[in-house]
Structure formats: structure tokens, C-alpha cells
């Protein structure tokens, strides 16, 4: 039986809803549990790529498109894994980076481009034996790059901010997923809506979260992700939160999210490493006690003999 990794896409047509952040932090938690993770950055903004060493904003600006995900879309380039796949500074995480040159391949009508629609799927199949989890970040629109990601995927996760404008695009995401299912990937499933960037003290967030849970019922994940400063600090340090500060509330939210991803994908994927690693307990070192009494007796006995 061939090894088949879990392929999960983070997608919404609206920007600023935590798509990239979700991929970045869940990747860290999947890897922390011992899973081999591949990140495919399909957003020309390349925010995910810039969040990981050895890359940064300058490195991405200078990156040759032939050494990026662009090679999967341009027939003139060599898309072999050794050309576009990079190890990051985080154990168990590899990356195929994006760059601005990817923009011109984000065609508005993907169905007009034949086998190009399968470009990501072919690559994922080629490297599937080397990874347990594949996470794909997408641009804030429903065009070619998102389409190709969904063609390659098992599941789509849609982060959404619990506010009016953010929630309005959900129906378009649903239709887009259904189009992929009907024409290119019948195995694709919508994992659901992840309520993200939550501010519990904002009454409007509490109201809209409940509205979405009532409207979409089981499609809304039980876990949600708060809007907290430490997520920005993690990006600055190029380290996902559960590897950076595993005990803070934000880490607990990501841990709960990854647990729920495992649960919702359990029908199709087994064998993934789901156990949360336990911290190593440090044993306080004890200095051996000086045997002063024995020393004194020996000294006293020696002195008496000398006397």
C-alpha cells in the first residue's frame, strides 16, 4: 500500500483572515509531534516563505523563480524536487517557496488550462513517500492557484474572522469547492470553518461566532484561534508558537486545532503521529555530602597512634 500524506489547504477569498498564520503554526505542531511536513506556498505574496529560515523578505525577492513553486506552472522550468524543495531550520519541515513571479499564473478561469490544473497534484504524488502532512497556503482569491491547491488536496480548511464582511464570502468558497469536486477532485472534502483572530472581549465577535455556529452547525470547528500579540512575535522569530512558547494560551489553541484536524481526517488518514510530546522532566542534581565524620575519626585515630 502506497504511503499517502494528509494534504490540507488553507483557503478563503478574503485576505487578513489568518490563512497563512494557520499553516505556519499548525506546521510547527505537526512537526513537533514527529510528522514530516511539506509546506507548499502558492501565494505570490510569499508571506509563508518569508516566515521560515533560511528565507526572509530579501531572500524571497532575490529568489530565482526556477527554484520556487513557479517551476510547477512554467513548462520552461525543471520542477524536480531537488530544484525547488528546501529544508528549513525547523526539524521535520520542508518548504517549496513562492515568489512574485507566481502572480502571472493565477488565471481567473482555471478550467481553461487543461493539465496545468493537475500540476500541484502531480508534485505531491511524486514526493508523497517523504512526507506525512502537506499544508498548502493560497492567495486571497478563488482563481487558478487556489484551484490547483484544491485539486491536490484531501481537505480544505477555511479560516474566517467572526465579523460581517469576513463571513460574507463563505458561500463563494463553498461553491468553488463544489466546482473542484465535480470537475477535478471528487475526493476533496471541506473540513470546515476555523473561527480565527477571535477577540473574546469584542461583543460582535461573540455574536458572529454564535451566528456562524447556528448557520453552519457541524461545519464550524470546535476549536478557534485568538488574536494575540505572540503570533506576531513568533513570525519575527521565525518559529511557530508551540515550538517557541509551548505553554502559553496561544499554543494551547493551536494544539487543540491540530487535535481536531486529526479527528476530522481520521476516516481517510491513519498512521499520523498524534501524540503531544511530553516535556522532559529535569532532575535536580545533588552534590554528594562530604563524609566529614569519617574523616574526623580517621584523623583522630591517626593522631592517637602517632602520640
C-alpha atoms as a PDB file:
ATOM      1  CA  UNK A   1       0.000   0.000   0.000  1.00  0.00           C
ATOM      2  CA  UNK A   2       1.435   3.366  -1.031  1.00  0.00           C
ATOM      3  CA  UNK A   3       2.012   5.974   1.651  1.00  0.00           C
ATOM      4  CA  UNK A   4      -0.472   8.844   1.333  1.00  0.00           C
ATOM      5  CA  UNK A   5       0.119  12.050   3.261  1.00  0.00           C
ATOM      6  CA  UNK A   6      -2.659  14.228   4.607  1.00  0.00           C
ATOM      7  CA  UNK A   7      -2.980  17.161   2.191  1.00  0.00           C
ATOM      8  CA  UNK A   8      -4.710  20.184   3.691  1.00  0.00           C
ATOM      9  CA  UNK A   9      -5.341  23.563   2.038  1.00  0.00           C
ATOM     10  CA  UNK A  10      -5.928  26.804   3.916  1.00  0.00           C
ATOM     11  CA  UNK A  11      -8.194  28.923   1.738  1.00  0.00           C
ATOM     12  CA  UNK A  12     -10.527  31.907   1.791  1.00  0.00           C
ATOM     13  CA  UNK A  13     -11.100  34.569  -0.823  1.00  0.00           C
ATOM     14  CA  UNK A  14     -10.647  37.289   1.781  1.00  0.00           C
ATOM     15  CA  UNK A  15      -7.239  38.423   2.994  1.00  0.00           C
ATOM     16  CA  UNK A  16      -6.295  39.070   6.597  1.00  0.00           C
ATOM     17  CA  UNK A  17      -8.224  36.112   7.994  1.00  0.00           C
ATOM     18  CA  UNK A  18      -5.266  34.063   9.283  1.00  0.00           C
ATOM     19  CA  UNK A  19      -4.808  31.677   6.333  1.00  0.00           C
ATOM     20  CA  UNK A  20      -1.022  31.864   6.362  1.00  0.00           C
ATOM     21  CA  UNK A  21      -0.783  32.006  10.145  1.00  0.00           C
ATOM     22  CA  UNK A  22      -2.860  28.827  10.377  1.00  0.00           C
ATOM     23  CA  UNK A  23      -0.493  26.979   8.043  1.00  0.00           C
ATOM     24  CA  UNK A  24       2.613  28.331   9.800  1.00  0.00           C
ATOM     25  CA  UNK A  25       1.597  27.418  13.344  1.00  0.00           C
ATOM     26  CA  UNK A  26      -0.074  24.097  12.620  1.00  0.00           C
ATOM     27  CA  UNK A  27       3.024  23.053  10.658  1.00  0.00           C
ATOM     28  CA  UNK A  28       5.083  23.603  13.783  1.00  0.00           C
ATOM     29  CA  UNK A  29       2.736  21.475  15.867  1.00  0.00           C
ATOM     30  CA  UNK A  30       2.541  18.660  13.303  1.00  0.00           C
ATOM     31  CA  UNK A  31       6.348  18.638  13.185  1.00  0.00           C
ATOM     32  CA  UNK A  32       6.661  18.796  16.984  1.00  0.00           C
ATOM     33  CA  UNK A  33       4.720  15.554  17.149  1.00  0.00           C
ATOM     34  CA  UNK A  34       7.192  13.904  14.790  1.00  0.00           C
ATOM     35  CA  UNK A  35       5.356  14.208  11.466  1.00  0.00           C
ATOM     36  CA  UNK A  36       7.302  15.054   8.322  1.00  0.00           C
ATOM     37  CA  UNK A  37       5.736  18.245   6.992  1.00  0.00           C
ATOM     38  CA  UNK A  38       5.849  19.750   3.498  1.00  0.00           C
ATOM     39  CA  UNK A  39       4.743  23.359   3.031  1.00  0.00           C
ATOM     40  CA  UNK A  40       3.676  24.486  -0.436  1.00  0.00           C
ATOM     41  CA  UNK A  41       3.427  28.257  -0.699  1.00  0.00           C
ATOM     42  CA  UNK A  42       1.013  29.085  -3.519  1.00  0.00           C
ATOM     43  CA  UNK A  43       0.507  32.728  -2.595  1.00  0.00           C
ATOM     44  CA  UNK A  44       2.583  35.160  -4.717  1.00  0.00           C
ATOM     45  CA  UNK A  45       2.908  37.383  -1.633  1.00  0.00           C
ATOM     46  CA  UNK A  46       5.118  34.596  -0.200  1.00  0.00           C
ATOM     47  CA  UNK A  47       4.352  35.503   3.411  1.00  0.00           C
ATOM     48  CA  UNK A  48       4.666  31.878   4.499  1.00  0.00           C
ATOM     49  CA  UNK A  49       8.041  31.520   2.764  1.00  0.00           C
ATOM     50  CA  UNK A  50       9.355  34.648   4.454  1.00  0.00           C
ATOM     51  CA  UNK A  51       8.292  33.322   7.850  1.00  0.00           C
ATOM     52  CA  UNK A  52      10.795  30.462   7.789  1.00  0.00           C
ATOM     53  CA  UNK A  53      14.554  30.274   7.789  1.00  0.00           C
ATOM     54  CA  UNK A  54      16.642  30.197   5.645  1.00  0.00           C
ATOM     55  CA  UNK A  55      14.349  32.657   3.886  1.00  0.00           C
ATOM     56  CA  UNK A  56      13.324  36.217   4.651  1.00  0.00           C
ATOM     57  CA  UNK A  57      11.930  39.118   2.649  1.00  0.00           C
ATOM     58  CA  UNK A  58      15.230  39.868   0.906  1.00  0.00           C
ATOM     59  CA  UNK A  59      15.910  36.213   0.091  1.00  0.00           C
ATOM     60  CA  UNK A  60      12.458  35.826  -1.457  1.00  0.00           C
ATOM     61  CA  UNK A  61      12.914  38.988  -3.520  1.00  0.00           C
ATOM     62  CA  UNK A  62      16.173  37.598  -4.888  1.00  0.00           C
ATOM     63  CA  UNK A  63      14.914  34.037  -5.337  1.00  0.00           C
ATOM     64  CA  UNK A  64      15.191  32.664  -8.867  1.00  0.00           C
ATOM     65  CA  UNK A  65      11.646  31.661  -9.942  1.00  0.00           C
ATOM     66  CA  UNK A  66      13.122  28.444 -11.338  1.00  0.00           C
ATOM     67  CA  UNK A  67      13.934  27.458  -7.755  1.00  0.00           C
ATOM     68  CA  UNK A  68      10.415  28.108  -6.485  1.00  0.00           C
ATOM     69  CA  UNK A  69       6.856  26.807  -6.824  1.00  0.00           C
ATOM     70  CA  UNK A  70       6.692  28.738 -10.116  1.00  0.00           C
ATOM     71  CA  UNK A  71       8.541  25.819 -11.724  1.00  0.00           C
ATOM     72  CA  UNK A  72       5.406  23.702 -11.257  1.00  0.00           C
ATOM     73  CA  UNK A  73       3.446  26.053 -13.506  1.00  0.00           C
ATOM     74  CA  UNK A  74       6.012  27.086 -16.123  1.00  0.00           C
ATOM     75  CA  UNK A  75       6.789  24.478 -18.799  1.00  0.00           C
ATOM     76  CA  UNK A  76      10.213  26.030 -19.417  1.00  0.00           C
ATOM     77  CA  UNK A  77      11.410  25.175 -15.907  1.00  0.00           C
ATOM     78  CA  UNK A  78      12.504  21.966 -14.200  1.00  0.00           C
ATOM     79  CA  UNK A  79      10.043  21.138 -11.386  1.00  0.00           C
ATOM     80  CA  UNK A  80      12.052  18.273  -9.905  1.00  0.00           C
ATOM     81  CA  UNK A  81      12.057  18.196  -6.076  1.00  0.00           C
ATOM     82  CA  UNK A  82      15.803  18.708  -5.799  1.00  0.00           C
ATOM     83  CA  UNK A  83      15.411  22.047  -7.586  1.00  0.00           C
ATOM     84  CA  UNK A  84      12.550  23.548  -5.586  1.00  0.00           C
ATOM     85  CA  UNK A  85      12.371  21.751  -2.238  1.00  0.00           C
ATOM     86  CA  UNK A  86      14.211  23.273   0.727  1.00  0.00           C
ATOM     87  CA  UNK A  87      14.888  22.108   4.270  1.00  0.00           C
ATOM     88  CA  UNK A  88      14.024  24.785   6.829  1.00  0.00           C
ATOM     89  CA  UNK A  89      15.740  25.418  10.138  1.00  0.00           C
ATOM     90  CA  UNK A  90      12.907  23.599  11.886  1.00  0.00           C
ATOM     91  CA  UNK A  91      13.250  19.841  12.167  1.00  0.00           C
ATOM     92  CA  UNK A  92      10.716  17.893  10.057  1.00  0.00           C
ATOM     93  CA  UNK A  93       9.600  20.911   7.992  1.00  0.00           C
ATOM     94  CA  UNK A  94      10.431  21.382   4.299  1.00  0.00           C
ATOM     95  CA  UNK A  95       9.244  24.174   2.037  1.00  0.00           C
ATOM     96  CA  UNK A  96       8.568  24.877  -1.624  1.00  0.00           C
ATOM     97  CA  UNK A  97       8.716  28.687  -1.591  1.00  0.00           C
ATOM     98  CA  UNK A  98       6.717  31.214  -3.585  1.00  0.00           C
ATOM     99  CA  UNK A  99       7.768  34.488  -5.192  1.00  0.00           C
ATOM    100  CA  UNK A 100       6.115  37.349  -7.040  1.00  0.00           C
ATOM    101  CA  UNK A 101       6.643  35.702 -10.441  1.00  0.00           C
ATOM    102  CA  UNK A 102       3.846  33.309  -9.494  1.00  0.00           C
ATOM    103  CA  UNK A 103       1.283  36.108  -9.974  1.00  0.00           C
ATOM    104  CA  UNK A 104       1.008  35.737 -13.750  1.00  0.00           C
ATOM    105  CA  UNK A 105      -0.141  32.113 -13.397  1.00  0.00           C
ATOM    106  CA  UNK A 106      -3.133  32.968 -11.236  1.00  0.00           C
ATOM    107  CA  UNK A 107      -5.620  32.836 -14.105  1.00  0.00           C
ATOM    108  CA  UNK A 108      -9.212  33.822 -13.328  1.00  0.00           C
ATOM    109  CA  UNK A 109     -10.755  30.787 -15.076  1.00  0.00           C
ATOM    110  CA  UNK A 110      -8.749  27.668 -14.147  1.00  0.00           C
ATOM    111  CA  UNK A 111     -10.846  25.238 -16.186  1.00  0.00           C
ATOM    112  CA  UNK A 112      -9.444  26.666 -19.421  1.00  0.00           C
ATOM    113  CA  UNK A 113      -5.927  25.435 -18.674  1.00  0.00           C
ATOM    114  CA  UNK A 114      -6.145  21.674 -19.094  1.00  0.00           C
ATOM    115  CA  UNK A 115      -3.483  19.601 -17.381  1.00  0.00           C
ATOM    116  CA  UNK A 116      -1.962  22.648 -15.684  1.00  0.00           C
ATOM    117  CA  UNK A 117      -4.753  22.169 -13.151  1.00  0.00           C
ATOM    118  CA  UNK A 118      -3.008  18.980 -12.006  1.00  0.00           C
ATOM    119  CA  UNK A 119       0.460  20.496 -11.589  1.00  0.00           C
ATOM    120  CA  UNK A 120       0.433  20.520  -7.787  1.00  0.00           C
ATOM    121  CA  UNK A 121      -1.234  17.136  -7.537  1.00  0.00           C
ATOM    122  CA  UNK A 122       1.488  15.504  -9.653  1.00  0.00           C
ATOM    123  CA  UNK A 123       4.207  17.037  -7.489  1.00  0.00           C
ATOM    124  CA  UNK A 124       2.545  15.979  -4.235  1.00  0.00           C
ATOM    125  CA  UNK A 125       2.226  12.442  -5.587  1.00  0.00           C
ATOM    126  CA  UNK A 126       5.912  12.433  -6.546  1.00  0.00           C
ATOM    127  CA  UNK A 127       7.116  13.367  -3.060  1.00  0.00           C
ATOM    128  CA  UNK A 128       4.350  11.665  -1.060  1.00  0.00           C
ATOM    129  CA  UNK A 129       6.647   8.972   0.303  1.00  0.00           C
ATOM    130  CA  UNK A 130       8.789  11.569   2.041  1.00  0.00           C
ATOM    131  CA  UNK A 131       6.053  13.383   3.989  1.00  0.00           C
ATOM    132  CA  UNK A 132       3.201  12.694   6.388  1.00  0.00           C
ATOM    133  CA  UNK A 133       1.451  16.061   6.133  1.00  0.00           C
ATOM    134  CA  UNK A 134       1.298  18.536   3.226  1.00  0.00           C
ATOM    135  CA  UNK A 135      -0.011  22.033   4.013  1.00  0.00           C
ATOM    136  CA  UNK A 136      -0.778  24.458   1.174  1.00  0.00           C
ATOM    137  CA  UNK A 137      -1.168  28.210   1.591  1.00  0.00           C
ATOM    138  CA  UNK A 138      -3.210  30.045  -1.042  1.00  0.00           C
ATOM    139  CA  UNK A 139      -3.793  33.637  -2.178  1.00  0.00           C
ATOM    140  CA  UNK A 140      -6.852  35.622  -1.009  1.00  0.00           C
ATOM    141  CA  UNK A 141      -8.913  34.830  -4.098  1.00  0.00           C
ATOM    142  CA  UNK A 142     -10.603  31.890  -5.805  1.00  0.00           C
ATOM    143  CA  UNK A 143      -8.612  31.550  -9.013  1.00  0.00           C
ATOM    144  CA  UNK A 144      -6.044  29.240 -10.606  1.00  0.00           C
ATOM    145  CA  UNK A 145      -3.597  28.895  -7.703  1.00  0.00           C
ATOM    146  CA  UNK A 146      -6.307  28.062  -5.188  1.00  0.00           C
ATOM    147  CA  UNK A 147      -7.947  25.730  -7.711  1.00  0.00           C
ATOM    148  CA  UNK A 148      -4.717  23.758  -8.226  1.00  0.00           C
ATOM    149  CA  UNK A 149      -4.225  23.514  -4.462  1.00  0.00           C
ATOM    150  CA  UNK A 150      -7.727  22.060  -4.041  1.00  0.00           C
ATOM    151  CA  UNK A 151      -7.205  19.635  -6.922  1.00  0.00           C
ATOM    152  CA  UNK A 152      -4.207  18.272  -4.998  1.00  0.00           C
ATOM    153  CA  UNK A 153      -5.900  18.264  -1.594  1.00  0.00           C
ATOM    154  CA  UNK A 154      -7.787  15.891   0.648  1.00  0.00           C
ATOM    155  CA  UNK A 155      -9.289  18.676   2.739  1.00  0.00           C
ATOM    156  CA  UNK A 156      -9.882  22.417   2.696  1.00  0.00           C
ATOM    157  CA  UNK A 157      -9.880  24.453   5.891  1.00  0.00           C
ATOM    158  CA  UNK A 158     -11.344  27.961   5.726  1.00  0.00           C
ATOM    159  CA  UNK A 159     -10.214  30.429   8.405  1.00  0.00           C
ATOM    160  CA  UNK A 160     -12.758  33.193   8.941  1.00  0.00           C
ATOM    161  CA  UNK A 161     -12.912  36.186  11.273  1.00  0.00           C
ATOM    162  CA  UNK A 162     -16.249  36.369  13.154  1.00  0.00           C
ATOM    163  CA  UNK A 163     -17.345  39.640  11.567  1.00  0.00           C
ATOM    164  CA  UNK A 164     -19.882  40.618   8.924  1.00  0.00           C
ATOM    165  CA  UNK A 165     -17.552  41.357   5.988  1.00  0.00           C
ATOM    166  CA  UNK A 166     -15.379  38.319   6.623  1.00  0.00           C
ATOM    167  CA  UNK A 167     -18.337  35.958   6.820  1.00  0.00           C
ATOM    168  CA  UNK A 168     -19.950  37.174   3.597  1.00  0.00           C
ATOM    169  CA  UNK A 169     -17.578  35.226   1.331  1.00  0.00           C
ATOM    170  CA  UNK A 170     -18.248  31.788   2.812  1.00  0.00           C
ATOM    171  CA  UNK A 171     -20.868  30.918   0.212  1.00  0.00           C
ATOM    172  CA  UNK A 172     -18.378  31.617  -2.605  1.00  0.00           C
ATOM    173  CA  UNK A 173     -15.810  29.316  -1.021  1.00  0.00           C
ATOM    174  CA  UNK A 174     -18.449  26.595  -0.796  1.00  0.00           C
ATOM    175  CA  UNK A 175     -19.321  26.941  -4.488  1.00  0.00           C
ATOM    176  CA  UNK A 176     -15.666  26.926  -5.511  1.00  0.00           C
ATOM    177  CA  UNK A 177     -15.002  23.729  -3.555  1.00  0.00           C
ATOM    178  CA  UNK A 178     -18.044  22.106  -5.137  1.00  0.00           C
ATOM    179  CA  UNK A 179     -16.768  23.037  -8.606  1.00  0.00           C
ATOM    180  CA  UNK A 180     -13.439  21.323  -7.896  1.00  0.00           C
ATOM    181  CA  UNK A 181     -15.233  18.271  -6.540  1.00  0.00           C
ATOM    182  CA  UNK A 182     -17.434  17.972  -9.603  1.00  0.00           C
ATOM    183  CA  UNK A 183     -14.765  18.512 -12.233  1.00  0.00           C
ATOM    184  CA  UNK A 184     -11.320  17.523 -10.930  1.00  0.00           C
ATOM    185  CA  UNK A 185     -11.179  16.053  -7.432  1.00  0.00           C
ATOM    186  CA  UNK A 186     -14.129  14.014  -6.240  1.00  0.00           C
ATOM    187  CA  UNK A 187     -12.278  13.056  -3.054  1.00  0.00           C
ATOM    188  CA  UNK A 188     -11.920  16.648  -1.824  1.00  0.00           C
ATOM    189  CA  UNK A 189     -13.697  17.391   1.459  1.00  0.00           C
ATOM    190  CA  UNK A 190     -14.430  20.677   3.153  1.00  0.00           C
ATOM    191  CA  UNK A 191     -13.051  20.163   6.640  1.00  0.00           C
ATOM    192  CA  UNK A 192     -14.852  23.273   7.796  1.00  0.00           C
ATOM    193  CA  UNK A 193     -14.660  26.831   9.044  1.00  0.00           C
ATOM    194  CA  UNK A 194     -11.995  27.820  11.532  1.00  0.00           C
ATOM    195  CA  UNK A 195     -13.022  30.859  13.542  1.00  0.00           C
ATOM    196  CA  UNK A 196      -9.796  32.831  13.805  1.00  0.00           C
ATOM    197  CA  UNK A 197      -8.438  36.123  15.107  1.00  0.00           C
ATOM    198  CA  UNK A 198     -11.038  35.998  17.872  1.00  0.00           C
ATOM    199  CA  UNK A 199     -11.164  38.806  20.430  1.00  0.00           C
ATOM    200  CA  UNK A 200     -13.347  37.472  23.277  1.00  0.00           C
ATOM    201  CA  UNK A 201     -13.864  40.936  24.737  1.00  0.00           C
ATOM    202  CA  UNK A 202     -15.433  42.138  21.495  1.00  0.00           C
ATOM    203  CA  UNK A 203     -19.158  41.552  21.751  1.00  0.00           C
ATOM    204  CA  UNK A 204     -19.534  41.487  17.970  1.00  0.00           C
ATOM    205  CA  UNK A 205     -17.117  38.543  17.768  1.00  0.00           C
ATOM    206  CA  UNK A 206     -19.118  36.532  20.272  1.00  0.00           C
ATOM    207  CA  UNK A 207     -22.349  37.317  18.412  1.00  0.00           C
ATOM    208  CA  UNK A 208     -20.996  36.398  14.957  1.00  0.00           C
ATOM    209  CA  UNK A 209     -19.319  33.251  16.218  1.00  0.00           C
ATOM    210  CA  UNK A 210     -22.667  32.041  17.514  1.00  0.00           C
ATOM    211  CA  UNK A 211     -24.397  33.101  14.281  1.00  0.00           C
ATOM    212  CA  UNK A 212     -21.931  31.037  12.236  1.00  0.00           C
ATOM    213  CA  UNK A 213     -22.249  28.035  14.533  1.00  0.00           C
ATOM    214  CA  UNK A 214     -26.015  28.178  14.231  1.00  0.00           C
ATOM    215  CA  UNK A 215     -25.938  28.643  10.453  1.00  0.00           C
ATOM    216  CA  UNK A 216     -23.275  26.053   9.602  1.00  0.00           C
ATOM    217  CA  UNK A 217     -23.637  23.670  12.547  1.00  0.00           C
ATOM    218  CA  UNK A 218     -21.010  20.886  12.379  1.00  0.00           C
ATOM    219  CA  UNK A 219     -19.077  22.638   9.621  1.00  0.00           C
ATOM    220  CA  UNK A 220     -17.608  25.063  12.185  1.00  0.00           C
ATOM    221  CA  UNK A 221     -14.656  23.619  14.072  1.00  0.00           C
ATOM    222  CA  UNK A 222     -14.982  23.403  17.842  1.00  0.00           C
ATOM    223  CA  UNK A 223     -11.556  24.970  18.303  1.00  0.00           C
ATOM    224  CA  UNK A 224     -10.846  28.608  17.498  1.00  0.00           C
ATOM    225  CA  UNK A 225      -7.743  30.758  17.385  1.00  0.00           C
ATOM    226  CA  UNK A 226      -7.419  34.050  19.296  1.00  0.00           C
ATOM    227  CA  UNK A 227      -5.898  37.304  18.107  1.00  0.00           C
ATOM    228  CA  UNK A 228      -2.844  37.682  20.325  1.00  0.00           C
ATOM    229  CA  UNK A 229       0.459  39.502  20.062  1.00  0.00           C
ATOM    230  CA  UNK A 230       2.597  36.411  20.482  1.00  0.00           C
ATOM    231  CA  UNK A 231       1.683  35.182  16.989  1.00  0.00           C
ATOM    232  CA  UNK A 232       3.414  38.246  15.514  1.00  0.00           C
ATOM    233  CA  UNK A 233       6.365  37.692  17.828  1.00  0.00           C
ATOM    234  CA  UNK A 234       6.647  34.119  16.538  1.00  0.00           C
ATOM    235  CA  UNK A 235       6.786  35.264  12.909  1.00  0.00           C
ATOM    236  CA  UNK A 236       9.500  37.748  13.817  1.00  0.00           C
ATOM    237  CA  UNK A 237      11.448  34.900  15.422  1.00  0.00           C
ATOM    238  CA  UNK A 238      10.579  32.566  12.512  1.00  0.00           C
ATOM    239  CA  UNK A 239       9.336  29.911  14.922  1.00  0.00           C
ATOM    240  CA  UNK A 240       5.776  28.508  15.217  1.00  0.00           C
ATOM    241  CA  UNK A 241       4.185  29.171  18.575  1.00  0.00           C
ATOM    242  CA  UNK A 242       4.165  25.632  20.019  1.00  0.00           C
ATOM    243  CA  UNK A 243       7.908  25.409  19.383  1.00  0.00           C
ATOM    244  CA  UNK A 244       8.517  28.942  20.646  1.00  0.00           C
ATOM    245  CA  UNK A 245       6.429  29.027  23.838  1.00  0.00           C
ATOM    246  CA  UNK A 246       4.509  25.754  24.174  1.00  0.00           C
ATOM    247  CA  UNK A 247       2.798  26.589  27.478  1.00  0.00           C
ATOM    248  CA  UNK A 248       1.043  29.855  26.571  1.00  0.00           C
ATOM    249  CA  UNK A 249      -2.673  30.080  25.750  1.00  0.00           C
ATOM    250  CA  UNK A 250      -1.999  30.621  22.034  1.00  0.00           C
ATOM    251  CA  UNK A 251      -0.085  27.334  21.901  1.00  0.00           C
ATOM    252  CA  UNK A 252      -2.944  25.530  23.603  1.00  0.00           C
ATOM    253  CA  UNK A 253      -5.279  26.869  20.906  1.00  0.00           C
ATOM    254  CA  UNK A 254      -3.025  25.528  18.129  1.00  0.00           C
ATOM    255  CA  UNK A 255      -2.656  22.181  19.901  1.00  0.00           C
ATOM    256  CA  UNK A 256      -6.454  21.904  20.125  1.00  0.00           C
ATOM    257  CA  UNK A 257      -6.768  22.818  16.446  1.00  0.00           C
ATOM    258  CA  UNK A 258      -4.285  20.144  15.352  1.00  0.00           C
ATOM    259  CA  UNK A 259      -6.060  17.592  17.546  1.00  0.00           C
ATOM    260  CA  UNK A 260      -9.318  18.440  15.788  1.00  0.00           C
ATOM    261  CA  UNK A 261      -7.688  18.220  12.348  1.00  0.00           C
ATOM    262  CA  UNK A 262      -6.542  14.710  13.240  1.00  0.00           C
ATOM    263  CA  UNK A 263     -10.038  13.847  14.411  1.00  0.00           C
ATOM    264  CA  UNK A 264     -11.789  15.228  11.316  1.00  0.00           C
ATOM    265  CA  UNK A 265      -9.375  13.477   8.944  1.00  0.00           C
ATOM    266  CA  UNK A 266      -9.345  10.146  10.788  1.00  0.00           C
ATOM    267  CA  UNK A 267     -11.691   8.484   8.272  1.00  0.00           C
ATOM    268  CA  UNK A 268      -9.205   8.910   5.447  1.00  0.00           C
ATOM    269  CA  UNK A 269      -5.832   9.111   7.169  1.00  0.00           C
ATOM    270  CA  UNK A 270      -4.414   6.919   9.885  1.00  0.00           C
ATOM    271  CA  UNK A 271      -0.864   6.354  10.981  1.00  0.00           C
ATOM    272  CA  UNK A 272      -0.068  10.000  11.623  1.00  0.00           C
ATOM    273  CA  UNK A 273       1.785  10.850  14.812  1.00  0.00           C
ATOM    274  CA  UNK A 274      -0.846  12.398  17.037  1.00  0.00           C
ATOM    275  CA  UNK A 275       0.696  12.216  20.493  1.00  0.00           C
ATOM    276  CA  UNK A 276       1.750  15.525  22.045  1.00  0.00           C
ATOM    277  CA  UNK A 277       5.372  15.202  23.209  1.00  0.00           C
ATOM    278  CA  UNK A 278       5.773  15.450  26.950  1.00  0.00           C
ATOM    279  CA  UNK A 279       8.369  17.864  28.316  1.00  0.00           C
ATOM    280  CA  UNK A 280      11.469  16.248  29.726  1.00  0.00           C
ATOM    281  CA  UNK A 281      11.493  16.493  33.499  1.00  0.00           C
ATOM    282  CA  UNK A 282      14.747  17.883  34.760  1.00  0.00           C
ATOM    283  CA  UNK A 283      16.054  16.155  37.851  1.00  0.00           C
ATOM    284  CA  UNK A 284      17.791  18.470  40.275  1.00  0.00           C
ATOM    285  CA  UNK A 285      21.389  17.395  40.662  1.00  0.00           C
ATOM    286  CA  UNK A 286      22.553  16.746  44.203  1.00  0.00           C
ATOM    287  CA  UNK A 287      26.069  17.214  45.366  1.00  0.00           C
ATOM    288  CA  UNK A 288      27.423  14.286  47.374  1.00  0.00           C
ATOM    289  CA  UNK A 289      27.714  15.043  51.053  1.00  0.00           C
ATOM    290  CA  UNK A 290      31.178  15.248  52.417  1.00  0.00           C
ATOM    291  CA  UNK A 291      31.845  12.388  54.815  1.00  0.00           C
ATOM    292  CA  UNK A 292      33.214  14.663  57.496  1.00  0.00           C
ATOM    293  CA  UNK A 293      32.564  12.294  60.360  1.00  0.00           C
ATOM    294  CA  UNK A 294      34.626   9.515  58.830  1.00  0.00           C
ATOM    295  CA  UNK A 295      37.404  11.928  58.039  1.00  0.00           C
ATOM    296  CA  UNK A 296      37.493  13.222  61.587  1.00  0.00           C
ATOM    297  CA  UNK A 297      37.559   9.714  63.058  1.00  0.00           C
ATOM    298  CA  UNK A 298      40.350   8.666  60.745  1.00  0.00           C
ATOM    299  CA  UNK A 299      42.319  11.766  61.590  1.00  0.00           C
ATOM    300  CA  UNK A 300      41.767  11.298  65.300  1.00  0.00           C
ATOM    301  CA  UNK A 301      42.762   7.653  65.141  1.00  0.00           C
ATOM    302  CA  UNK A 302      45.919   8.504  63.242  1.00  0.00           C
ATOM    303  CA  UNK A 303      46.831  11.193  65.722  1.00  0.00           C
ATOM    304  CA  UNK A 304      46.401   8.812  68.661  1.00  0.00           C
ATOM    305  CA  UNK A 305      48.686   6.245  67.062  1.00  0.00           C
ATOM    306  CA  UNK A 306      51.234   8.939  66.417  1.00  0.00           C
ATOM    307  CA  UNK A 307      51.032  10.010  70.015  1.00  0.00           C
END
